[in-house]
Structure formats: structure tokens, C-alpha cells
Amino acid sequence: MFRRHVNFGNPWVEEAVLVGCGFVLLAWLAPQVWSFQGQLPITPQSLLVVLWPLMWGWRIGTATVVLYLVAGGAGCPVFADGAHGWQHFAGSTGGFLLAFPVSAVVVGWLSEINSTMKYAKSACLMLLGQLTIVVMGLMWQRTMIPVEASWVETMTSLFPAILVKCALGTLVVVFVGRLLTTQSPA
């Protein structure tokens, strides 16, 4: 966790700036959909939902995610592919959206237990966060839509995208960690 590296003199201002920056990143990047392995899309949405609390802690990460969800529900086109509206919380994607704050709390809290950021730990927490979102989302979705594919088939098809997100997130953690911990010459 990099929270100790941000110091504006006032913890409230620091937290507000970090939540604001996280929200802007989510609002900007989350609507994008990237193609991967033919028909399998990747959205940076869940990557950022897990990455922000990993880097800044559970309170900042969860506040950012909740602000993002409220903005999307209220009509800002910030969900995947520019979707918005409260109906997405009750539809087949609702489980994924509702899993976002759960994942943010879990990953952020676990990153705070030992605040020294180890890159292998970051990768494992990214994977845990992604799996939390996917499993909760699929459980919700499968109660609404009959799916012929087994859990194993579904997870096998999603796992490459999950690994790509974890790798990207870990690279961001390495980059930010080196940027924040490097002392500038006097």
C-alpha cells in the first residue's frame, strides 16, 4: 500500500484527492472494452476496482468504487461500453457491480495488513479481487439466465482475461511503487 507516500499535510485532503483521482480514472477507462482471444472482451473496469484499494487502502478504494457505482446508476455513462442506470444493478450484470465494493474492501483491507508492498503479494491480491468479482457476478447471473456451460468451462474461458488484468495491475503497482519510492536528487 502506497498511502504513506502521499502527504499534502491534511489527511482529509489527501483522501479526497485520491478518491477523486480514482473516480476520474474509473470514469474514463471503465467504459472501454478491449477484445482479447476473439470474442472474449476485457474491460479495465474490474482491474481498476481492485487496483485502487490495493494501492491506497480499503477506505479510499471502497469510497472510490461506491462513488463510481452511484455515478453510473445516476446516469453517467461510466459502466462497461458506456452503460448507465440503476437497471444494471437488478439485471444480469448486477452481481458483478455489487461485487465491486466487496472486492475493494477485501483487497484493500488485506493490502493494509502488511503495508509493505511486495509485488508477488500484489499479484495474488489482484487475482483474489478478480476472482471475487467473477464468482459473485456469475452466481448472480446464473440465477437469472440459464447457462449451458459448466462453471469449469466458464472459468476456463475467463481465466486468460483475468490473468491479463492481474499482470497489468501488477505492472502498474511496480511502476507506481518505483515512482513513489525513488528519491529525487537534491
N, C-alpha and C. Protein backbone atom coordinates (compact mmCIF):
# COMPACT_ATOMS: atom_id res chain seq x y z
N MET A 1 0.84 -1.18 0.00
CA MET A 1 0.00 0.00 0.00
C MET A 1 0.89 1.25 0.00
N PHE A 2 0.52 2.20 -0.81
CA PHE A 2 1.35 3.39 -1.00
C PHE A 2 0.82 4.62 -0.26
N ARG A 3 -0.17 4.46 0.58
CA ARG A 3 -0.81 5.61 1.22
C ARG A 3 0.18 6.50 1.96
N ARG A 4 1.16 5.91 2.59
CA ARG A 4 2.12 6.70 3.38
C ARG A 4 2.99 7.62 2.53
N HIS A 5 3.02 7.40 1.21
CA HIS A 5 3.84 8.20 0.32
C HIS A 5 3.13 9.47 -0.16
N VAL A 6 1.84 9.61 0.17
CA VAL A 6 1.09 10.79 -0.23
C VAL A 6 0.92 11.67 1.00
N ASN A 7 1.46 12.89 0.92
CA ASN A 7 1.41 13.77 2.08
C ASN A 7 1.19 15.21 1.62
N PHE A 8 -0.06 15.67 1.78
CA PHE A 8 -0.39 17.05 1.47
C PHE A 8 -0.55 17.87 2.74
N GLY A 9 -0.28 17.26 3.91
CA GLY A 9 -0.40 17.97 5.16
C GLY A 9 -1.75 17.80 5.84
N ASN A 10 -2.76 17.41 5.10
CA ASN A 10 -4.09 17.24 5.67
C ASN A 10 -4.65 15.90 5.17
N PRO A 11 -4.89 14.95 6.09
CA PRO A 11 -5.36 13.62 5.67
C PRO A 11 -6.69 13.67 4.92
N TRP A 12 -7.58 14.58 5.26
CA TRP A 12 -8.87 14.69 4.56
C TRP A 12 -8.67 15.10 3.11
N VAL A 13 -7.76 16.04 2.90
CA VAL A 13 -7.46 16.49 1.53
C VAL A 13 -6.81 15.35 0.74
N GLU A 14 -5.88 14.67 1.36
CA GLU A 14 -5.21 13.55 0.71
C GLU A 14 -6.22 12.50 0.27
N GLU A 15 -7.13 12.13 1.17
CA GLU A 15 -8.12 11.11 0.84
C GLU A 15 -9.07 11.59 -0.25
N ALA A 16 -9.48 12.84 -0.16
CA ALA A 16 -10.38 13.39 -1.19
C ALA A 16 -9.69 13.41 -2.55
N VAL A 17 -8.43 13.76 -2.60
CA VAL A 17 -7.69 13.79 -3.87
C VAL A 17 -7.55 12.37 -4.44
N LEU A 18 -7.22 11.41 -3.57
CA LEU A 18 -7.07 10.03 -4.04
C LEU A 18 -8.40 9.44 -4.51
N VAL A 19 -9.48 9.71 -3.80
CA VAL A 19 -10.80 9.24 -4.23
C VAL A 19 -11.18 9.91 -5.55
N GLY A 20 -10.94 11.21 -5.65
CA GLY A 20 -11.24 11.94 -6.89
C GLY A 20 -10.45 11.41 -8.08
N CYS A 21 -9.16 11.20 -7.87
CA CYS A 21 -8.32 10.66 -8.96
C CYS A 21 -8.78 9.27 -9.37
N GLY A 22 -9.09 8.44 -8.39
CA GLY A 22 -9.58 7.09 -8.68
C GLY A 22 -10.89 7.12 -9.45
N PHE A 23 -11.80 8.00 -9.05
CA PHE A 23 -13.08 8.12 -9.74
C PHE A 23 -12.87 8.57 -11.19
N VAL A 24 -12.01 9.57 -11.40
CA VAL A 24 -11.75 10.05 -12.76
C VAL A 24 -11.16 8.93 -13.62
N LEU A 25 -10.22 8.17 -13.08
CA LEU A 25 -9.65 7.04 -13.83
C LEU A 25 -10.72 6.00 -14.16
N LEU A 26 -11.54 5.66 -13.18
CA LEU A 26 -12.62 4.69 -13.42
C LEU A 26 -13.60 5.21 -14.46
N ALA A 27 -14.01 6.44 -14.31
CA ALA A 27 -14.99 7.01 -15.24
C ALA A 27 -14.44 7.09 -16.66
N TRP A 28 -13.15 7.31 -16.79
CA TRP A 28 -12.51 7.44 -18.10
C TRP A 28 -12.23 6.08 -18.73
N LEU A 29 -11.68 5.14 -17.95
CA LEU A 29 -11.23 3.87 -18.53
C LEU A 29 -12.28 2.76 -18.48
N ALA A 30 -13.14 2.74 -17.49
CA ALA A 30 -14.08 1.63 -17.32
C ALA A 30 -15.03 1.43 -18.50
N PRO A 31 -15.50 2.47 -19.19
CA PRO A 31 -16.39 2.22 -20.31
C PRO A 31 -15.73 1.54 -21.51
N GLN A 32 -14.43 1.50 -21.54
CA GLN A 32 -13.73 0.91 -22.68
C GLN A 32 -13.85 -0.62 -22.65
N VAL A 33 -13.92 -1.21 -23.81
CA VAL A 33 -13.97 -2.67 -23.95
C VAL A 33 -12.88 -3.06 -24.94
N TRP A 34 -11.98 -3.93 -24.50
CA TRP A 34 -10.88 -4.38 -25.33
C TRP A 34 -11.13 -5.82 -25.74
N SER A 35 -10.85 -6.14 -27.00
CA SER A 35 -11.02 -7.52 -27.48
C SER A 35 -9.80 -8.34 -27.11
N PHE A 36 -10.05 -9.58 -26.73
CA PHE A 36 -8.97 -10.48 -26.34
C PHE A 36 -9.42 -11.89 -26.70
N GLN A 37 -8.60 -12.64 -27.35
CA GLN A 37 -8.91 -14.01 -27.75
C GLN A 37 -10.23 -14.08 -28.52
N GLY A 38 -10.31 -13.35 -29.59
CA GLY A 38 -11.51 -13.40 -30.43
C GLY A 38 -12.69 -12.66 -29.81
N GLN A 39 -13.66 -13.39 -29.28
CA GLN A 39 -14.89 -12.80 -28.79
C GLN A 39 -14.84 -12.39 -27.32
N LEU A 40 -13.80 -12.76 -26.59
CA LEU A 40 -13.75 -12.50 -25.16
C LEU A 40 -13.30 -11.06 -24.90
N PRO A 41 -14.19 -10.22 -24.37
CA PRO A 41 -13.81 -8.83 -24.10
C PRO A 41 -13.15 -8.68 -22.73
N ILE A 42 -12.29 -7.69 -22.65
CA ILE A 42 -11.70 -7.30 -21.37
C ILE A 42 -12.10 -5.85 -21.13
N THR A 43 -12.58 -5.59 -19.94
CA THR A 43 -12.85 -4.20 -19.56
C THR A 43 -11.90 -3.84 -18.43
N PRO A 44 -11.36 -2.64 -18.44
CA PRO A 44 -10.48 -2.23 -17.34
C PRO A 44 -11.26 -1.92 -16.07
N GLN A 45 -12.57 -2.02 -16.14
CA GLN A 45 -13.45 -1.72 -15.01
C GLN A 45 -13.04 -2.50 -13.75
N SER A 46 -13.04 -3.82 -13.82
CA SER A 46 -12.72 -4.60 -12.62
C SER A 46 -11.25 -4.50 -12.25
N LEU A 47 -10.40 -4.26 -13.23
CA LEU A 47 -8.98 -4.05 -12.93
C LEU A 47 -8.81 -2.85 -12.01
N LEU A 48 -9.44 -1.74 -12.34
CA LEU A 48 -9.31 -0.52 -11.54
C LEU A 48 -10.02 -0.65 -10.19
N VAL A 49 -11.12 -1.38 -10.17
CA VAL A 49 -11.87 -1.60 -8.93
C VAL A 49 -11.01 -2.35 -7.92
N VAL A 50 -10.12 -3.21 -8.38
CA VAL A 50 -9.23 -3.96 -7.50
C VAL A 50 -7.92 -3.20 -7.27
N LEU A 51 -7.42 -2.54 -8.29
CA LEU A 51 -6.12 -1.87 -8.21
C LEU A 51 -6.12 -0.69 -7.24
N TRP A 52 -7.17 0.12 -7.26
CA TRP A 52 -7.18 1.33 -6.43
C TRP A 52 -7.12 1.01 -4.94
N PRO A 53 -7.95 0.09 -4.43
CA PRO A 53 -7.81 -0.24 -3.00
C PRO A 53 -6.51 -0.97 -2.67
N LEU A 54 -5.97 -1.71 -3.62
CA LEU A 54 -4.68 -2.37 -3.41
C LEU A 54 -3.60 -1.33 -3.14
N MET A 55 -3.62 -0.26 -3.91
CA MET A 55 -2.57 0.76 -3.78
C MET A 55 -2.81 1.74 -2.63
N TRP A 56 -4.08 2.07 -2.33
CA TRP A 56 -4.36 3.16 -1.39
C TRP A 56 -5.12 2.74 -0.14
N GLY A 57 -5.53 1.48 -0.05
CA GLY A 57 -6.22 1.01 1.14
C GLY A 57 -7.72 0.85 0.93
N TRP A 58 -8.35 0.17 1.88
CA TRP A 58 -9.76 -0.20 1.71
C TRP A 58 -10.70 0.99 1.77
N ARG A 59 -10.43 1.97 2.62
CA ARG A 59 -11.36 3.12 2.73
C ARG A 59 -11.37 3.95 1.45
N ILE A 60 -10.20 4.29 0.96
CA ILE A 60 -10.11 5.09 -0.27
C ILE A 60 -10.62 4.28 -1.45
N GLY A 61 -10.22 3.03 -1.54
CA GLY A 61 -10.66 2.18 -2.64
C GLY A 61 -12.16 1.97 -2.65
N THR A 62 -12.73 1.69 -1.49
CA THR A 62 -14.17 1.45 -1.42
C THR A 62 -14.96 2.73 -1.68
N ALA A 63 -14.49 3.85 -1.14
CA ALA A 63 -15.17 5.12 -1.40
C ALA A 63 -15.16 5.45 -2.89
N THR A 64 -14.04 5.18 -3.54
CA THR A 64 -13.93 5.42 -4.98
C THR A 64 -14.91 4.54 -5.76
N VAL A 65 -14.98 3.27 -5.40
CA VAL A 65 -15.86 2.33 -6.09
C VAL A 65 -17.33 2.69 -5.86
N VAL A 66 -17.69 3.04 -4.64
CA VAL A 66 -19.08 3.42 -4.35
C VAL A 66 -19.46 4.69 -5.11
N LEU A 67 -18.57 5.67 -5.14
CA LEU A 67 -18.82 6.89 -5.91
C LEU A 67 -19.03 6.56 -7.39
N TYR A 68 -18.21 5.69 -7.92
CA TYR A 68 -18.32 5.24 -9.31
C TYR A 68 -19.66 4.56 -9.57
N LEU A 69 -20.07 3.66 -8.68
CA LEU A 69 -21.33 2.95 -8.85
C LEU A 69 -22.53 3.90 -8.76
N VAL A 70 -22.48 4.84 -7.82
CA VAL A 70 -23.58 5.81 -7.69
C VAL A 70 -23.65 6.69 -8.94
N ALA A 71 -22.50 7.13 -9.44
CA ALA A 71 -22.48 7.95 -10.65
C ALA A 71 -23.05 7.18 -11.84
N GLY A 72 -22.66 5.92 -11.99
CA GLY A 72 -23.18 5.10 -13.07
C GLY A 72 -24.67 4.85 -12.94
N GLY A 73 -25.11 4.58 -11.74
CA GLY A 73 -26.53 4.37 -11.50
C GLY A 73 -27.34 5.63 -11.76
N ALA A 74 -26.76 6.78 -11.43
CA ALA A 74 -27.46 8.06 -11.60
C ALA A 74 -27.49 8.54 -13.04
N GLY A 75 -26.80 7.85 -13.94
CA GLY A 75 -26.91 8.21 -15.35
C GLY A 75 -25.63 8.57 -16.06
N CYS A 76 -24.52 8.63 -15.36
CA CYS A 76 -23.24 8.88 -16.03
C CYS A 76 -22.84 7.62 -16.79
N PRO A 77 -22.45 7.73 -18.05
CA PRO A 77 -22.12 6.54 -18.86
C PRO A 77 -20.74 5.98 -18.53
N VAL A 78 -20.57 5.48 -17.31
CA VAL A 78 -19.26 5.05 -16.85
C VAL A 78 -19.10 3.54 -16.74
N PHE A 79 -20.19 2.79 -16.91
CA PHE A 79 -20.08 1.34 -16.86
C PHE A 79 -19.51 0.84 -18.18
N ALA A 80 -19.22 -0.44 -18.25
CA ALA A 80 -18.62 -1.03 -19.45
C ALA A 80 -19.44 -0.69 -20.69
N ASP A 81 -18.75 -0.29 -21.72
CA ASP A 81 -19.35 0.07 -23.01
C ASP A 81 -20.28 1.27 -22.91
N GLY A 82 -20.07 2.13 -21.91
CA GLY A 82 -20.86 3.35 -21.76
C GLY A 82 -22.23 3.15 -21.16
N ALA A 83 -22.48 1.99 -20.60
CA ALA A 83 -23.79 1.72 -19.99
C ALA A 83 -23.96 2.57 -18.73
N HIS A 84 -25.21 2.76 -18.34
CA HIS A 84 -25.52 3.52 -17.13
C HIS A 84 -26.95 3.21 -16.70
N GLY A 85 -27.26 3.59 -15.49
CA GLY A 85 -28.62 3.43 -14.98
C GLY A 85 -28.73 2.37 -13.90
N TRP A 86 -29.73 2.58 -13.04
CA TRP A 86 -29.94 1.67 -11.90
C TRP A 86 -30.38 0.28 -12.36
N GLN A 87 -30.97 0.16 -13.53
CA GLN A 87 -31.44 -1.14 -14.00
C GLN A 87 -30.32 -2.17 -14.11
N HIS A 88 -29.08 -1.71 -14.26
CA HIS A 88 -27.95 -2.64 -14.36
C HIS A 88 -27.67 -3.36 -13.04
N PHE A 89 -28.12 -2.77 -11.94
CA PHE A 89 -27.93 -3.42 -10.64
C PHE A 89 -28.92 -4.55 -10.43
N ALA A 90 -30.04 -4.52 -11.12
CA ALA A 90 -31.05 -5.56 -10.98
C ALA A 90 -30.99 -6.57 -12.13
N GLY A 91 -30.25 -6.26 -13.16
CA GLY A 91 -30.16 -7.15 -14.33
C GLY A 91 -29.09 -8.21 -14.15
N SER A 92 -28.76 -8.85 -15.25
CA SER A 92 -27.82 -9.98 -15.21
C SER A 92 -26.40 -9.57 -14.84
N THR A 93 -26.06 -8.29 -14.99
CA THR A 93 -24.72 -7.82 -14.61
C THR A 93 -24.67 -7.26 -13.19
N GLY A 94 -25.81 -7.25 -12.52
CA GLY A 94 -25.88 -6.68 -11.18
C GLY A 94 -24.94 -7.32 -10.18
N GLY A 95 -24.75 -8.62 -10.28
CA GLY A 95 -23.86 -9.31 -9.36
C GLY A 95 -22.42 -8.84 -9.49
N PHE A 96 -22.00 -8.54 -10.70
CA PHE A 96 -20.64 -8.03 -10.91
C PHE A 96 -20.51 -6.65 -10.28
N LEU A 97 -21.49 -5.79 -10.52
CA LEU A 97 -21.45 -4.44 -9.95
C LEU A 97 -21.47 -4.47 -8.43
N LEU A 98 -22.33 -5.30 -7.87
CA LEU A 98 -22.42 -5.40 -6.42
C LEU A 98 -21.19 -6.06 -5.80
N ALA A 99 -20.47 -6.83 -6.58
CA ALA A 99 -19.23 -7.45 -6.10
C ALA A 99 -18.07 -6.45 -6.04
N PHE A 100 -18.18 -5.35 -6.77
CA PHE A 100 -17.08 -4.37 -6.80
C PHE A 100 -16.72 -3.86 -5.40
N PRO A 101 -17.68 -3.34 -4.61
CA PRO A 101 -17.29 -2.86 -3.29
C PRO A 101 -16.82 -3.98 -2.36
N VAL A 102 -17.36 -5.18 -2.50
CA VAL A 102 -16.91 -6.30 -1.68
C VAL A 102 -15.44 -6.59 -1.99
N SER A 103 -15.13 -6.64 -3.26
CA SER A 103 -13.75 -6.89 -3.67
C SER A 103 -12.83 -5.76 -3.22
N ALA A 104 -13.29 -4.53 -3.31
CA ALA A 104 -12.48 -3.38 -2.87
C ALA A 104 -12.17 -3.46 -1.38
N VAL A 105 -13.16 -3.81 -0.58
CA VAL A 105 -12.93 -3.94 0.87
C VAL A 105 -11.94 -5.05 1.15
N VAL A 106 -12.14 -6.22 0.56
CA VAL A 106 -11.28 -7.37 0.83
C VAL A 106 -9.84 -7.09 0.41
N VAL A 107 -9.66 -6.65 -0.83
CA VAL A 107 -8.30 -6.40 -1.34
C VAL A 107 -7.63 -5.25 -0.58
N GLY A 108 -8.37 -4.18 -0.36
CA GLY A 108 -7.80 -3.04 0.36
C GLY A 108 -7.42 -3.38 1.79
N TRP A 109 -8.29 -4.12 2.47
CA TRP A 109 -8.01 -4.49 3.85
C TRP A 109 -6.79 -5.41 3.92
N LEU A 110 -6.74 -6.41 3.03
CA LEU A 110 -5.60 -7.32 3.03
C LEU A 110 -4.30 -6.61 2.67
N SER A 111 -4.38 -5.58 1.83
CA SER A 111 -3.16 -4.84 1.49
C SER A 111 -2.67 -4.00 2.67
N GLU A 112 -3.59 -3.65 3.57
CA GLU A 112 -3.22 -2.85 4.74
C GLU A 112 -2.65 -3.68 5.88
N ILE A 113 -2.94 -4.97 5.90
CA ILE A 113 -2.46 -5.81 7.00
C ILE A 113 -0.94 -5.72 7.11
N ASN A 114 -0.27 -5.84 6.00
CA ASN A 114 1.18 -5.64 5.96
C ASN A 114 1.40 -4.60 4.87
N SER A 115 1.55 -3.35 5.27
CA SER A 115 1.54 -2.26 4.31
C SER A 115 2.76 -2.22 3.39
N THR A 116 3.77 -3.05 3.63
CA THR A 116 4.90 -3.11 2.72
C THR A 116 4.44 -3.80 1.45
N MET A 117 4.56 -3.11 0.32
CA MET A 117 4.04 -3.64 -0.94
C MET A 117 5.07 -4.58 -1.56
N LYS A 118 4.75 -5.84 -1.56
CA LYS A 118 5.53 -6.85 -2.24
C LYS A 118 4.80 -7.17 -3.54
N TYR A 119 5.54 -7.31 -4.62
CA TYR A 119 4.90 -7.45 -5.91
C TYR A 119 4.20 -8.79 -6.07
N ALA A 120 4.73 -9.86 -5.49
CA ALA A 120 4.04 -11.16 -5.55
C ALA A 120 2.74 -11.08 -4.75
N LYS A 121 2.78 -10.39 -3.62
CA LYS A 121 1.57 -10.19 -2.81
C LYS A 121 0.55 -9.39 -3.61
N SER A 122 1.00 -8.39 -4.32
CA SER A 122 0.10 -7.58 -5.16
C SER A 122 -0.58 -8.43 -6.21
N ALA A 123 0.19 -9.27 -6.87
CA ALA A 123 -0.38 -10.14 -7.91
C ALA A 123 -1.41 -11.09 -7.32
N CYS A 124 -1.13 -11.65 -6.17
CA CYS A 124 -2.08 -12.57 -5.52
C CYS A 124 -3.35 -11.83 -5.10
N LEU A 125 -3.21 -10.63 -4.56
CA LEU A 125 -4.39 -9.86 -4.16
C LEU A 125 -5.20 -9.42 -5.38
N MET A 126 -4.52 -9.09 -6.47
CA MET A 126 -5.24 -8.76 -7.71
C MET A 126 -6.05 -9.97 -8.17
N LEU A 127 -5.44 -11.14 -8.14
CA LEU A 127 -6.13 -12.36 -8.54
C LEU A 127 -7.33 -12.63 -7.62
N LEU A 128 -7.13 -12.49 -6.33
CA LEU A 128 -8.22 -12.70 -5.38
C LEU A 128 -9.37 -11.74 -5.66
N GLY A 129 -9.05 -10.48 -5.89
CA GLY A 129 -10.09 -9.49 -6.18
C GLY A 129 -10.85 -9.80 -7.46
N GLN A 130 -10.12 -10.17 -8.51
CA GLN A 130 -10.75 -10.50 -9.78
C GLN A 130 -11.65 -11.73 -9.63
N LEU A 131 -11.16 -12.74 -8.93
CA LEU A 131 -11.96 -13.95 -8.74
C LEU A 131 -13.20 -13.68 -7.89
N THR A 132 -13.09 -12.81 -6.91
CA THR A 132 -14.25 -12.43 -6.10
C THR A 132 -15.33 -11.83 -6.98
N ILE A 133 -14.94 -10.92 -7.84
CA ILE A 133 -15.89 -10.26 -8.74
C ILE A 133 -16.52 -11.27 -9.70
N VAL A 134 -15.69 -12.11 -10.32
CA VAL A 134 -16.19 -13.06 -11.31
C VAL A 134 -17.13 -14.08 -10.66
N VAL A 135 -16.73 -14.64 -9.54
CA VAL A 135 -17.56 -15.67 -8.90
C VAL A 135 -18.88 -15.09 -8.42
N MET A 136 -18.85 -13.95 -7.73
CA MET A 136 -20.10 -13.33 -7.28
C MET A 136 -20.98 -12.93 -8.46
N GLY A 137 -20.35 -12.37 -9.49
CA GLY A 137 -21.11 -11.96 -10.67
C GLY A 137 -21.75 -13.12 -11.40
N LEU A 138 -21.00 -14.20 -11.55
CA LEU A 138 -21.54 -15.37 -12.24
C LEU A 138 -22.63 -16.06 -11.42
N MET A 139 -22.47 -16.09 -10.10
CA MET A 139 -23.52 -16.68 -9.26
C MET A 139 -24.84 -15.92 -9.46
N TRP A 140 -24.76 -14.60 -9.46
CA TRP A 140 -25.95 -13.77 -9.68
C TRP A 140 -26.51 -14.01 -11.07
N GLN A 141 -25.62 -13.94 -12.06
CA GLN A 141 -26.04 -14.06 -13.45
C GLN A 141 -26.69 -15.42 -13.73
N ARG A 142 -26.15 -16.47 -13.19
CA ARG A 142 -26.68 -17.81 -13.43
C ARG A 142 -28.03 -18.04 -12.76
N THR A 143 -28.38 -17.21 -11.79
CA THR A 143 -29.73 -17.32 -11.22
C THR A 143 -30.77 -16.67 -12.13
N MET A 144 -30.31 -15.80 -13.03
CA MET A 144 -31.23 -15.07 -13.91
C MET A 144 -31.28 -15.64 -15.32
N ILE A 145 -30.15 -16.12 -15.79
CA ILE A 145 -30.05 -16.59 -17.17
C ILE A 145 -29.60 -18.05 -17.17
N PRO A 146 -30.36 -18.92 -17.80
CA PRO A 146 -29.90 -20.31 -17.89
C PRO A 146 -28.63 -20.40 -18.74
N VAL A 147 -27.62 -21.06 -18.21
CA VAL A 147 -26.34 -21.19 -18.90
C VAL A 147 -26.04 -22.67 -19.08
N GLU A 148 -25.70 -23.04 -20.30
CA GLU A 148 -25.39 -24.45 -20.58
C GLU A 148 -23.96 -24.81 -20.17
N ALA A 149 -23.07 -23.84 -20.22
CA ALA A 149 -21.68 -24.12 -19.89
C ALA A 149 -21.53 -24.37 -18.40
N SER A 150 -20.65 -25.30 -18.06
CA SER A 150 -20.38 -25.59 -16.65
C SER A 150 -19.53 -24.47 -16.05
N TRP A 151 -19.42 -24.48 -14.72
CA TRP A 151 -18.57 -23.49 -14.05
C TRP A 151 -17.13 -23.62 -14.53
N VAL A 152 -16.68 -24.84 -14.68
CA VAL A 152 -15.29 -25.07 -15.13
C VAL A 152 -15.08 -24.49 -16.52
N GLU A 153 -16.02 -24.74 -17.43
CA GLU A 153 -15.90 -24.20 -18.80
C GLU A 153 -15.92 -22.67 -18.78
N THR A 154 -16.81 -22.10 -17.99
CA THR A 154 -16.90 -20.64 -17.92
C THR A 154 -15.62 -20.05 -17.34
N MET A 155 -15.14 -20.60 -16.24
CA MET A 155 -13.92 -20.07 -15.61
C MET A 155 -12.70 -20.27 -16.52
N THR A 156 -12.66 -21.39 -17.23
CA THR A 156 -11.56 -21.64 -18.16
C THR A 156 -11.54 -20.59 -19.27
N SER A 157 -12.72 -20.21 -19.75
CA SER A 157 -12.77 -19.20 -20.81
C SER A 157 -12.43 -17.81 -20.28
N LEU A 158 -12.73 -17.53 -19.01
CA LEU A 158 -12.47 -16.20 -18.44
C LEU A 158 -11.06 -16.06 -17.87
N PHE A 159 -10.43 -17.16 -17.54
CA PHE A 159 -9.15 -17.10 -16.83
C PHE A 159 -8.04 -16.36 -17.60
N PRO A 160 -7.91 -16.52 -18.92
CA PRO A 160 -6.86 -15.74 -19.60
C PRO A 160 -7.05 -14.23 -19.42
N ALA A 161 -8.28 -13.75 -19.51
CA ALA A 161 -8.53 -12.32 -19.33
C ALA A 161 -8.23 -11.88 -17.90
N ILE A 162 -8.58 -12.74 -16.94
CA ILE A 162 -8.29 -12.43 -15.54
C ILE A 162 -6.79 -12.33 -15.32
N LEU A 163 -6.03 -13.25 -15.91
CA LEU A 163 -4.57 -13.21 -15.76
C LEU A 163 -3.97 -11.97 -16.42
N VAL A 164 -4.50 -11.57 -17.57
CA VAL A 164 -4.01 -10.36 -18.23
C VAL A 164 -4.26 -9.15 -17.33
N LYS A 165 -5.45 -9.05 -16.73
CA LYS A 165 -5.74 -7.93 -15.83
C LYS A 165 -4.81 -7.94 -14.62
N CYS A 166 -4.55 -9.12 -14.07
CA CYS A 166 -3.65 -9.22 -12.92
C CYS A 166 -2.23 -8.80 -13.30
N ALA A 167 -1.79 -9.21 -14.47
CA ALA A 167 -0.45 -8.82 -14.93
C ALA A 167 -0.36 -7.32 -15.15
N LEU A 168 -1.37 -6.74 -15.80
CA LEU A 168 -1.38 -5.29 -15.99
C LEU A 168 -1.40 -4.55 -14.66
N GLY A 169 -2.24 -5.01 -13.75
CA GLY A 169 -2.31 -4.37 -12.44
C GLY A 169 -1.01 -4.45 -11.68
N THR A 170 -0.36 -5.60 -11.74
CA THR A 170 0.92 -5.77 -11.06
C THR A 170 1.99 -4.86 -11.67
N LEU A 171 1.97 -4.71 -12.99
CA LEU A 171 2.91 -3.78 -13.63
C LEU A 171 2.66 -2.34 -13.17
N VAL A 172 1.41 -1.96 -13.04
CA VAL A 172 1.09 -0.62 -12.54
C VAL A 172 1.60 -0.45 -11.11
N VAL A 173 1.41 -1.46 -10.27
CA VAL A 173 1.90 -1.39 -8.89
C VAL A 173 3.42 -1.23 -8.86
N VAL A 174 4.11 -1.99 -9.71
CA VAL A 174 5.57 -1.86 -9.78
C VAL A 174 5.96 -0.45 -10.21
N PHE A 175 5.32 0.05 -11.25
CA PHE A 175 5.64 1.38 -11.76
C PHE A 175 5.36 2.46 -10.71
N VAL A 176 4.19 2.44 -10.12
CA VAL A 176 3.83 3.45 -9.11
C VAL A 176 4.73 3.32 -7.90
N GLY A 177 5.01 2.09 -7.50
CA GLY A 177 5.90 1.87 -6.35
C GLY A 177 7.29 2.45 -6.57
N ARG A 178 7.82 2.23 -7.73
CA ARG A 178 9.15 2.78 -8.03
C ARG A 178 9.10 4.30 -8.17
N LEU A 179 8.03 4.80 -8.72
CA LEU A 179 7.88 6.25 -8.87
C LEU A 179 7.79 6.93 -7.50
N LEU A 180 7.04 6.35 -6.59
CA LEU A 180 6.84 6.95 -5.28
C LEU A 180 8.01 6.77 -4.33
N THR A 181 8.75 5.68 -4.49
CA THR A 181 9.83 5.41 -3.55
C THR A 181 11.19 5.90 -4.01
N THR A 182 11.27 6.35 -5.24
CA THR A 182 12.55 6.87 -5.74
C THR A 182 12.78 8.26 -5.19
N GLN A 183 13.92 8.47 -4.59
CA GLN A 183 14.27 9.78 -4.06
C GLN A 183 14.84 10.64 -5.19
N SER A 184 14.31 11.82 -5.35
CA SER A 184 14.86 12.73 -6.35
C SER A 184 16.15 13.35 -5.84
N PRO A 185 17.12 13.56 -6.74
CA PRO A 185 18.40 14.14 -6.31
C PRO A 185 18.22 15.57 -5.81
N ALA A 186 18.98 15.90 -4.82
CA ALA A 186 18.89 17.25 -4.21
C ALA A 186 19.55 18.29 -5.03
